[in-house]
Amino acid sequence: MSLPPQDTADLRSGPGLHDALLRLLPLVGGWSGEGVGVSPSTGAAFRYRQELRFFHDGRPFLAYESRSWLIDPDGEVIRAAERESGFWRPGPDPDRVEAVVASNTGQALVFSGTATTQRWELATVSSVPSPTAKAVDGEKRLYALIEDQLVYVTELAPSDAEYEPHLNARLSRS
């Protein structure tokens, strides 16, 4: 009996990347860096450190994990912050992408958007909070590769409110 394919974030080893994921290929691997954000409920600015990981097992999806920590002005960790996990999938045509993401804040988000070889623009098509989570009507995310770094910005629409800037970061391969 052979073992099933192992997850890998290294395109040089493990199972080959599924052909349907070619638009997502540049994301595969680990990313880390720092960003700034604004709390939608208070308007307070904050800094954070983040690690992202996109990996696969040869099937037509990427697994996704994100961990972040609030940091002080000197870059020292204050405390753990948001964690997310989910899956990025090819959309109905090569220029489309879907993502399903759940967070420790109690949100389950389904995104749909466009994909190019170095830019991924997503917006929620569904947002479901757990019974104790703050309601969020939607989120928009833009990821892009710029000079070998993964940069992204997000906008968040808290319940019954307009979209507002929320997070932005610049991450390097780790």
N, C-alpha and C. Protein backbone atom coordinates (compact mmCIF):
# COMPACT_ATOMS: atom_id res chain seq x y z
N MET A 1 0.84 -1.17 0.00
CA MET A 1 0.00 0.00 0.00
C MET A 1 0.89 1.24 0.00
N SER A 2 0.63 2.16 -0.94
CA SER A 2 1.42 3.37 -1.01
C SER A 2 0.76 4.48 -0.18
N LEU A 3 1.59 5.37 0.29
CA LEU A 3 1.09 6.49 1.08
C LEU A 3 0.48 7.54 0.16
N PRO A 4 -0.52 8.28 0.66
CA PRO A 4 -1.09 9.35 -0.16
C PRO A 4 -0.07 10.48 -0.33
N PRO A 5 -0.25 11.33 -1.37
CA PRO A 5 0.68 12.45 -1.56
C PRO A 5 0.71 13.35 -0.33
N GLN A 6 1.89 13.84 0.00
CA GLN A 6 2.06 14.74 1.13
C GLN A 6 1.88 16.19 0.69
N ASP A 7 1.41 17.04 1.61
CA ASP A 7 1.33 18.46 1.32
C ASP A 7 2.73 19.01 1.11
N THR A 8 2.86 19.95 0.18
CA THR A 8 4.15 20.56 -0.05
C THR A 8 3.97 22.02 -0.43
N ALA A 9 4.88 22.84 0.02
CA ALA A 9 4.95 24.24 -0.38
C ALA A 9 6.20 24.43 -1.24
N ASP A 10 6.85 23.33 -1.62
CA ASP A 10 8.07 23.34 -2.42
C ASP A 10 7.74 22.72 -3.78
N LEU A 11 7.82 23.51 -4.83
CA LEU A 11 7.46 23.02 -6.16
C LEU A 11 8.50 22.06 -6.74
N ARG A 12 9.66 21.92 -6.08
CA ARG A 12 10.71 21.02 -6.57
C ARG A 12 10.61 19.63 -6.00
N SER A 13 9.72 19.42 -5.02
CA SER A 13 9.58 18.10 -4.43
C SER A 13 8.11 17.82 -4.18
N GLY A 14 7.79 16.57 -3.97
CA GLY A 14 6.41 16.20 -3.71
C GLY A 14 5.61 16.09 -4.99
N PRO A 15 4.30 16.01 -4.87
CA PRO A 15 3.47 15.87 -6.06
C PRO A 15 3.53 17.12 -6.94
N GLY A 16 3.31 16.94 -8.22
CA GLY A 16 3.29 18.06 -9.14
C GLY A 16 2.06 18.93 -8.91
N LEU A 17 2.19 20.20 -9.22
CA LEU A 17 1.07 21.12 -9.10
C LEU A 17 0.04 20.80 -10.17
N HIS A 18 -1.21 20.73 -9.79
CA HIS A 18 -2.29 20.44 -10.73
C HIS A 18 -2.35 21.54 -11.80
N ASP A 19 -2.56 21.15 -13.07
CA ASP A 19 -2.59 22.11 -14.16
C ASP A 19 -3.62 23.22 -13.96
N ALA A 20 -4.71 22.95 -13.27
CA ALA A 20 -5.75 23.96 -13.06
C ALA A 20 -5.28 25.10 -12.15
N LEU A 21 -4.11 24.93 -11.50
CA LEU A 21 -3.63 25.93 -10.54
C LEU A 21 -2.54 26.85 -11.10
N LEU A 22 -2.33 26.83 -12.40
CA LEU A 22 -1.22 27.61 -12.96
C LEU A 22 -1.32 29.10 -12.64
N ARG A 23 -2.51 29.67 -12.57
CA ARG A 23 -2.67 31.09 -12.21
C ARG A 23 -2.29 31.33 -10.74
N LEU A 24 -2.32 30.30 -9.91
CA LEU A 24 -2.00 30.43 -8.49
C LEU A 24 -0.57 30.01 -8.16
N LEU A 25 0.13 29.46 -9.14
CA LEU A 25 1.48 28.94 -8.93
C LEU A 25 2.41 29.90 -8.19
N PRO A 26 2.45 31.21 -8.51
CA PRO A 26 3.38 32.10 -7.80
C PRO A 26 3.12 32.23 -6.30
N LEU A 27 1.92 31.89 -5.85
CA LEU A 27 1.61 31.99 -4.42
C LEU A 27 2.19 30.85 -3.60
N VAL A 28 2.46 29.71 -4.23
CA VAL A 28 2.88 28.51 -3.50
C VAL A 28 4.17 28.78 -2.73
N GLY A 29 4.15 28.46 -1.45
CA GLY A 29 5.30 28.64 -0.59
C GLY A 29 4.93 29.37 0.68
N GLY A 30 5.95 29.74 1.43
CA GLY A 30 5.76 30.48 2.67
C GLY A 30 6.11 31.94 2.47
N TRP A 31 5.39 32.80 3.16
CA TRP A 31 5.57 34.25 3.08
C TRP A 31 5.55 34.82 4.50
N SER A 32 6.37 35.82 4.78
CA SER A 32 6.32 36.47 6.09
C SER A 32 6.72 37.93 5.96
N GLY A 33 6.20 38.73 6.88
CA GLY A 33 6.51 40.15 6.87
C GLY A 33 5.65 40.90 7.84
N GLU A 34 5.55 42.21 7.62
CA GLU A 34 4.79 43.07 8.53
C GLU A 34 3.80 43.92 7.77
N GLY A 35 2.79 44.38 8.50
CA GLY A 35 1.77 45.22 7.89
C GLY A 35 1.19 46.17 8.91
N VAL A 36 0.28 47.01 8.42
CA VAL A 36 -0.45 47.94 9.27
C VAL A 36 -1.93 47.74 9.02
N GLY A 37 -2.73 48.06 10.03
CA GLY A 37 -4.16 47.91 9.89
C GLY A 37 -4.91 48.97 10.66
N VAL A 38 -6.21 48.98 10.42
CA VAL A 38 -7.12 49.89 11.12
C VAL A 38 -8.29 49.06 11.62
N SER A 39 -8.61 49.17 12.90
CA SER A 39 -9.74 48.44 13.47
C SER A 39 -11.04 49.06 12.98
N PRO A 40 -11.92 48.25 12.34
CA PRO A 40 -13.17 48.83 11.85
C PRO A 40 -14.07 49.34 12.97
N SER A 41 -14.01 48.74 14.14
CA SER A 41 -14.92 49.14 15.22
C SER A 41 -14.47 50.40 15.95
N THR A 42 -13.14 50.63 16.04
CA THR A 42 -12.65 51.77 16.81
C THR A 42 -11.90 52.80 15.97
N GLY A 43 -11.44 52.42 14.79
CA GLY A 43 -10.62 53.31 13.97
C GLY A 43 -9.18 53.37 14.41
N ALA A 44 -8.80 52.58 15.43
CA ALA A 44 -7.43 52.58 15.94
C ALA A 44 -6.50 51.87 14.96
N ALA A 45 -5.33 52.47 14.74
CA ALA A 45 -4.32 51.87 13.88
C ALA A 45 -3.49 50.87 14.68
N PHE A 46 -2.96 49.86 14.00
CA PHE A 46 -2.11 48.87 14.65
C PHE A 46 -1.10 48.32 13.64
N ARG A 47 -0.04 47.73 14.18
CA ARG A 47 0.97 47.05 13.36
C ARG A 47 0.91 45.57 13.67
N TYR A 48 1.27 44.75 12.67
CA TYR A 48 1.25 43.31 12.88
C TYR A 48 2.33 42.62 12.07
N ARG A 49 2.69 41.45 12.52
CA ARG A 49 3.59 40.54 11.81
C ARG A 49 2.72 39.39 11.33
N GLN A 50 3.06 38.86 10.14
CA GLN A 50 2.22 37.81 9.57
C GLN A 50 3.06 36.76 8.86
N GLU A 51 2.56 35.53 8.92
CA GLU A 51 3.11 34.41 8.16
C GLU A 51 1.97 33.78 7.37
N LEU A 52 2.18 33.62 6.06
CA LEU A 52 1.21 32.94 5.19
C LEU A 52 1.87 31.71 4.60
N ARG A 53 1.07 30.73 4.31
CA ARG A 53 1.60 29.53 3.65
C ARG A 53 0.54 29.02 2.68
N PHE A 54 0.94 28.84 1.43
CA PHE A 54 0.11 28.21 0.40
C PHE A 54 0.77 26.90 0.04
N PHE A 55 0.05 25.79 0.13
CA PHE A 55 0.64 24.50 -0.18
C PHE A 55 -0.38 23.62 -0.89
N HIS A 56 0.09 22.48 -1.43
CA HIS A 56 -0.80 21.63 -2.23
C HIS A 56 -0.41 20.17 -2.06
N ASP A 57 -1.29 19.30 -2.53
CA ASP A 57 -1.01 17.86 -2.50
C ASP A 57 -1.24 17.23 -3.88
N GLY A 58 -1.24 18.04 -4.93
CA GLY A 58 -1.41 17.55 -6.29
C GLY A 58 -2.84 17.65 -6.80
N ARG A 59 -3.79 17.89 -5.91
CA ARG A 59 -5.17 18.04 -6.34
C ARG A 59 -5.44 19.50 -6.74
N PRO A 60 -6.60 19.81 -7.35
CA PRO A 60 -6.83 21.16 -7.90
C PRO A 60 -7.29 22.20 -6.87
N PHE A 61 -6.50 22.39 -5.83
CA PHE A 61 -6.72 23.46 -4.85
C PHE A 61 -5.42 23.72 -4.12
N LEU A 62 -5.28 24.93 -3.57
CA LEU A 62 -4.18 25.24 -2.67
C LEU A 62 -4.76 25.33 -1.26
N ALA A 63 -4.09 24.72 -0.30
CA ALA A 63 -4.44 24.93 1.09
C ALA A 63 -3.77 26.23 1.52
N TYR A 64 -4.40 26.94 2.43
CA TYR A 64 -3.95 28.27 2.85
C TYR A 64 -3.98 28.36 4.37
N GLU A 65 -2.92 28.91 4.95
CA GLU A 65 -2.86 29.17 6.39
C GLU A 65 -2.26 30.54 6.61
N SER A 66 -2.77 31.26 7.59
CA SER A 66 -2.24 32.57 7.95
C SER A 66 -2.25 32.71 9.47
N ARG A 67 -1.15 33.24 10.00
CA ARG A 67 -1.05 33.56 11.42
C ARG A 67 -0.53 34.98 11.53
N SER A 68 -1.03 35.71 12.52
CA SER A 68 -0.54 37.07 12.71
C SER A 68 -0.43 37.40 14.19
N TRP A 69 0.43 38.38 14.47
CA TRP A 69 0.68 38.83 15.83
C TRP A 69 0.70 40.36 15.85
N LEU A 70 0.05 40.97 16.83
CA LEU A 70 0.17 42.41 17.00
C LEU A 70 1.58 42.72 17.49
N ILE A 71 2.17 43.80 16.97
CA ILE A 71 3.52 44.17 17.38
C ILE A 71 3.54 45.64 17.81
N ASP A 72 4.52 45.97 18.65
CA ASP A 72 4.67 47.35 19.12
C ASP A 72 5.55 48.13 18.13
N PRO A 73 5.78 49.43 18.37
CA PRO A 73 6.58 50.24 17.43
C PRO A 73 8.00 49.71 17.21
N ASP A 74 8.52 48.94 18.17
CA ASP A 74 9.86 48.37 18.02
C ASP A 74 9.84 47.01 17.33
N GLY A 75 8.66 46.54 16.94
CA GLY A 75 8.55 45.25 16.27
C GLY A 75 8.46 44.07 17.21
N GLU A 76 8.31 44.33 18.51
CA GLU A 76 8.19 43.25 19.49
C GLU A 76 6.73 42.77 19.55
N VAL A 77 6.56 41.46 19.69
CA VAL A 77 5.23 40.88 19.72
C VAL A 77 4.50 41.28 21.00
N ILE A 78 3.28 41.79 20.84
CA ILE A 78 2.41 42.11 21.97
C ILE A 78 1.56 40.90 22.32
N ARG A 79 0.91 40.31 21.28
CA ARG A 79 0.07 39.13 21.49
C ARG A 79 -0.30 38.53 20.15
N ALA A 80 -0.77 37.30 20.20
CA ALA A 80 -1.28 36.65 18.99
C ALA A 80 -2.51 37.40 18.50
N ALA A 81 -2.71 37.42 17.20
CA ALA A 81 -3.88 38.08 16.60
C ALA A 81 -4.62 37.06 15.74
N GLU A 82 -5.08 37.46 14.59
CA GLU A 82 -5.95 36.61 13.77
C GLU A 82 -5.21 35.42 13.15
N ARG A 83 -5.94 34.31 13.06
CA ARG A 83 -5.50 33.12 12.33
C ARG A 83 -6.59 32.78 11.32
N GLU A 84 -6.16 32.33 10.15
CA GLU A 84 -7.09 31.90 9.11
C GLU A 84 -6.60 30.61 8.50
N SER A 85 -7.52 29.85 7.98
CA SER A 85 -7.15 28.69 7.16
C SER A 85 -8.25 28.48 6.14
N GLY A 86 -7.89 27.83 5.06
CA GLY A 86 -8.89 27.60 4.03
C GLY A 86 -8.28 27.04 2.77
N PHE A 87 -8.97 27.29 1.68
CA PHE A 87 -8.59 26.72 0.40
C PHE A 87 -8.81 27.72 -0.72
N TRP A 88 -7.85 27.82 -1.63
CA TRP A 88 -7.98 28.61 -2.85
C TRP A 88 -8.17 27.61 -3.99
N ARG A 89 -9.14 27.89 -4.85
CA ARG A 89 -9.50 26.96 -5.92
C ARG A 89 -9.59 27.71 -7.26
N PRO A 90 -9.36 26.99 -8.35
CA PRO A 90 -9.59 27.63 -9.64
C PRO A 90 -11.08 27.93 -9.79
N GLY A 91 -11.38 29.00 -10.49
CA GLY A 91 -12.77 29.36 -10.73
C GLY A 91 -13.30 28.66 -11.97
N PRO A 92 -14.45 29.12 -12.48
CA PRO A 92 -15.08 28.46 -13.61
C PRO A 92 -14.32 28.63 -14.93
N ASP A 93 -13.39 29.58 -14.99
CA ASP A 93 -12.53 29.73 -16.17
C ASP A 93 -11.14 30.11 -15.68
N PRO A 94 -10.12 30.07 -16.54
CA PRO A 94 -8.74 30.30 -16.09
C PRO A 94 -8.46 31.66 -15.45
N ASP A 95 -9.30 32.65 -15.74
CA ASP A 95 -9.08 33.97 -15.18
C ASP A 95 -9.86 34.23 -13.89
N ARG A 96 -10.43 33.19 -13.32
CA ARG A 96 -11.23 33.32 -12.10
C ARG A 96 -10.63 32.47 -10.99
N VAL A 97 -10.86 32.89 -9.75
CA VAL A 97 -10.37 32.16 -8.59
C VAL A 97 -11.43 32.24 -7.50
N GLU A 98 -11.46 31.21 -6.66
CA GLU A 98 -12.36 31.16 -5.52
C GLU A 98 -11.53 30.86 -4.28
N ALA A 99 -12.02 31.31 -3.13
CA ALA A 99 -11.35 30.99 -1.87
C ALA A 99 -12.42 30.81 -0.79
N VAL A 100 -12.18 29.84 0.07
CA VAL A 100 -13.03 29.58 1.23
C VAL A 100 -12.11 29.72 2.44
N VAL A 101 -12.43 30.67 3.34
CA VAL A 101 -11.53 31.00 4.45
C VAL A 101 -12.33 31.08 5.75
N ALA A 102 -11.80 30.46 6.79
CA ALA A 102 -12.39 30.55 8.14
C ALA A 102 -11.35 31.14 9.07
N SER A 103 -11.80 31.94 10.04
CA SER A 103 -10.87 32.57 10.97
C SER A 103 -11.23 32.28 12.42
N ASN A 104 -10.25 32.50 13.30
CA ASN A 104 -10.48 32.32 14.73
C ASN A 104 -11.44 33.36 15.29
N THR A 105 -11.76 34.39 14.51
CA THR A 105 -12.72 35.40 14.97
C THR A 105 -14.16 34.95 14.78
N GLY A 106 -14.35 33.76 14.18
CA GLY A 106 -15.68 33.22 14.01
C GLY A 106 -16.30 33.50 12.65
N GLN A 107 -15.52 33.98 11.71
CA GLN A 107 -16.02 34.28 10.37
C GLN A 107 -15.72 33.13 9.42
N ALA A 108 -16.68 32.83 8.56
CA ALA A 108 -16.49 31.91 7.43
C ALA A 108 -16.82 32.71 6.18
N LEU A 109 -15.83 32.91 5.33
CA LEU A 109 -15.97 33.75 4.15
C LEU A 109 -15.74 32.95 2.88
N VAL A 110 -16.57 33.19 1.87
CA VAL A 110 -16.38 32.61 0.55
C VAL A 110 -16.11 33.78 -0.40
N PHE A 111 -14.99 33.70 -1.11
CA PHE A 111 -14.56 34.75 -2.03
C PHE A 111 -14.62 34.25 -3.46
N SER A 112 -14.79 35.18 -4.39
CA SER A 112 -14.67 34.91 -5.81
C SER A 112 -13.98 36.11 -6.42
N GLY A 113 -13.20 35.88 -7.48
CA GLY A 113 -12.52 37.01 -8.08
C GLY A 113 -11.73 36.65 -9.31
N THR A 114 -10.84 37.57 -9.67
CA THR A 114 -10.04 37.41 -10.88
C THR A 114 -8.62 37.00 -10.52
N ALA A 115 -8.00 36.30 -11.47
CA ALA A 115 -6.64 35.82 -11.27
C ALA A 115 -5.82 36.08 -12.53
N THR A 116 -4.67 36.70 -12.34
CA THR A 116 -3.69 36.79 -13.42
C THR A 116 -2.44 36.08 -12.90
N THR A 117 -1.36 36.16 -13.63
CA THR A 117 -0.16 35.44 -13.17
C THR A 117 0.51 36.12 -11.99
N GLN A 118 0.17 37.39 -11.71
CA GLN A 118 0.81 38.07 -10.58
C GLN A 118 -0.13 38.95 -9.78
N ARG A 119 -1.44 38.76 -9.96
CA ARG A 119 -2.42 39.59 -9.25
C ARG A 119 -3.70 38.79 -9.05
N TRP A 120 -4.24 38.87 -7.81
CA TRP A 120 -5.45 38.14 -7.46
C TRP A 120 -6.36 39.10 -6.71
N GLU A 121 -7.54 39.34 -7.26
CA GLU A 121 -8.48 40.29 -6.66
C GLU A 121 -9.75 39.53 -6.28
N LEU A 122 -10.07 39.52 -4.97
CA LEU A 122 -11.17 38.73 -4.45
C LEU A 122 -12.17 39.60 -3.70
N ALA A 123 -13.44 39.20 -3.74
CA ALA A 123 -14.48 39.85 -2.95
C ALA A 123 -15.41 38.76 -2.43
N THR A 124 -15.96 38.97 -1.25
CA THR A 124 -16.84 37.96 -0.66
C THR A 124 -18.13 37.83 -1.48
N VAL A 125 -18.57 36.59 -1.58
CA VAL A 125 -19.89 36.29 -2.13
C VAL A 125 -20.77 35.74 -1.02
N SER A 126 -20.14 35.40 0.12
CA SER A 126 -20.87 34.91 1.28
C SER A 126 -20.03 35.18 2.52
N SER A 127 -20.70 35.63 3.59
CA SER A 127 -20.04 35.88 4.86
C SER A 127 -20.97 35.37 5.96
N VAL A 128 -20.49 34.39 6.72
CA VAL A 128 -21.32 33.81 7.77
C VAL A 128 -20.55 33.85 9.09
N PRO A 129 -21.07 34.61 10.07
CA PRO A 129 -20.41 34.63 11.38
C PRO A 129 -20.95 33.51 12.27
N SER A 130 -20.10 33.05 13.18
CA SER A 130 -20.60 32.15 14.23
C SER A 130 -21.53 32.97 15.13
N PRO A 131 -22.31 32.33 16.00
CA PRO A 131 -23.25 33.08 16.84
C PRO A 131 -22.61 34.15 17.72
N THR A 132 -21.35 33.99 18.10
CA THR A 132 -20.71 34.97 18.98
C THR A 132 -19.78 35.93 18.25
N ALA A 133 -19.64 35.80 16.92
CA ALA A 133 -18.73 36.66 16.16
C ALA A 133 -19.39 37.97 15.78
N LYS A 134 -18.57 38.99 15.55
CA LYS A 134 -19.08 40.25 15.02
C LYS A 134 -19.50 40.01 13.57
N ALA A 135 -20.62 40.56 13.19
CA ALA A 135 -21.11 40.39 11.82
C ALA A 135 -20.27 41.24 10.86
N VAL A 136 -19.95 40.65 9.73
CA VAL A 136 -19.23 41.33 8.66
C VAL A 136 -20.03 41.11 7.38
N ASP A 137 -20.37 42.21 6.71
CA ASP A 137 -21.15 42.07 5.48
C ASP A 137 -20.28 41.64 4.30
N GLY A 138 -19.00 42.00 4.32
CA GLY A 138 -18.14 41.62 3.21
C GLY A 138 -16.71 42.03 3.41
N GLU A 139 -15.85 41.48 2.54
CA GLU A 139 -14.44 41.81 2.55
C GLU A 139 -13.93 41.76 1.12
N LYS A 140 -13.02 42.66 0.81
CA LYS A 140 -12.33 42.66 -0.49
C LYS A 140 -10.85 42.50 -0.22
N ARG A 141 -10.18 41.69 -1.05
CA ARG A 141 -8.74 41.48 -0.90
C ARG A 141 -8.07 41.60 -2.26
N LEU A 142 -6.95 42.28 -2.29
CA LEU A 142 -6.13 42.38 -3.49
C LEU A 142 -4.73 41.92 -3.12
N TYR A 143 -4.26 40.87 -3.79
CA TYR A 143 -2.90 40.35 -3.61
C TYR A 143 -2.16 40.59 -4.91
N ALA A 144 -0.86 40.95 -4.83
CA ALA A 144 -0.06 41.13 -6.03
C ALA A 144 1.39 40.83 -5.72
N LEU A 145 2.10 40.32 -6.72
CA LEU A 145 3.54 40.13 -6.61
C LEU A 145 4.21 41.37 -7.17
N ILE A 146 5.01 42.03 -6.33
CA ILE A 146 5.75 43.22 -6.74
C ILE A 146 7.18 43.04 -6.27
N GLU A 147 8.11 43.01 -7.23
CA GLU A 147 9.53 42.87 -6.90
C GLU A 147 9.79 41.71 -5.94
N ASP A 148 9.31 40.53 -6.27
CA ASP A 148 9.51 39.31 -5.48
C ASP A 148 8.89 39.35 -4.09
N GLN A 149 7.98 40.26 -3.85
CA GLN A 149 7.25 40.31 -2.58
C GLN A 149 5.76 40.17 -2.86
N LEU A 150 5.08 39.56 -1.90
CA LEU A 150 3.64 39.45 -1.97
C LEU A 150 3.08 40.61 -1.15
N VAL A 151 2.37 41.51 -1.82
CA VAL A 151 1.75 42.64 -1.13
C VAL A 151 0.25 42.45 -1.20
N TYR A 152 -0.44 42.92 -0.18
CA TYR A 152 -1.89 42.84 -0.23
C TYR A 152 -2.52 43.97 0.55
N VAL A 153 -3.76 44.25 0.17
CA VAL A 153 -4.59 45.21 0.89
C VAL A 153 -5.97 44.59 1.03
N THR A 154 -6.63 44.94 2.13
CA THR A 154 -8.00 44.46 2.33
C THR A 154 -8.89 45.63 2.70
N GLU A 155 -10.15 45.48 2.36
CA GLU A 155 -11.20 46.40 2.82
C GLU A 155 -12.26 45.55 3.49
N LEU A 156 -12.83 46.06 4.56
CA LEU A 156 -13.81 45.32 5.34
C LEU A 156 -15.10 46.13 5.44
N ALA A 157 -16.23 45.44 5.33
CA ALA A 157 -17.53 46.09 5.51
C ALA A 157 -18.18 45.48 6.75
N PRO A 158 -18.00 46.14 7.90
CA PRO A 158 -18.69 45.65 9.10
C PRO A 158 -20.20 45.67 8.86
N SER A 159 -20.94 45.00 9.69
CA SER A 159 -22.38 44.90 9.52
C SER A 159 -23.03 46.26 9.29
N ASP A 160 -23.78 46.35 8.21
CA ASP A 160 -24.53 47.56 7.85
C ASP A 160 -23.65 48.79 7.67
N ALA A 161 -22.41 48.61 7.21
CA ALA A 161 -21.51 49.74 6.98
C ALA A 161 -20.86 49.61 5.60
N GLU A 162 -20.30 50.70 5.11
CA GLU A 162 -19.59 50.70 3.83
C GLU A 162 -18.21 50.05 4.00
N TYR A 163 -17.61 49.65 2.88
CA TYR A 163 -16.24 49.12 2.91
C TYR A 163 -15.29 50.21 3.40
N GLU A 164 -14.35 49.79 4.26
CA GLU A 164 -13.33 50.68 4.79
C GLU A 164 -11.98 49.98 4.71
N PRO A 165 -10.86 50.74 4.53
CA PRO A 165 -9.54 50.12 4.56
C PRO A 165 -9.34 49.37 5.87
N HIS A 166 -8.72 48.19 5.78
CA HIS A 166 -8.51 47.39 6.99
C HIS A 166 -7.05 46.98 7.15
N LEU A 167 -6.49 46.20 6.24
CA LEU A 167 -5.12 45.71 6.37
C LEU A 167 -4.30 45.98 5.12
N ASN A 168 -3.00 46.14 5.29
CA ASN A 168 -2.08 46.10 4.14
C ASN A 168 -0.73 45.65 4.65
N ALA A 169 -0.07 44.83 3.83
CA ALA A 169 1.21 44.25 4.25
C ALA A 169 2.08 43.98 3.04
N ARG A 170 3.35 43.81 3.33
CA ARG A 170 4.36 43.42 2.34
C ARG A 170 5.09 42.22 2.93
N LEU A 171 5.02 41.08 2.21
CA LEU A 171 5.57 39.83 2.70
C LEU A 171 6.65 39.32 1.75
N SER A 172 7.69 38.73 2.31
CA SER A 172 8.78 38.14 1.53
C SER A 172 8.72 36.62 1.65
N ARG A 173 9.28 35.94 0.67
CA ARG A 173 9.34 34.46 0.77
C ARG A 173 10.14 34.06 1.99
N SER A 174 9.62 33.06 2.70
CA SER A 174 10.34 32.60 3.90
C SER A 174 10.79 31.17 3.71
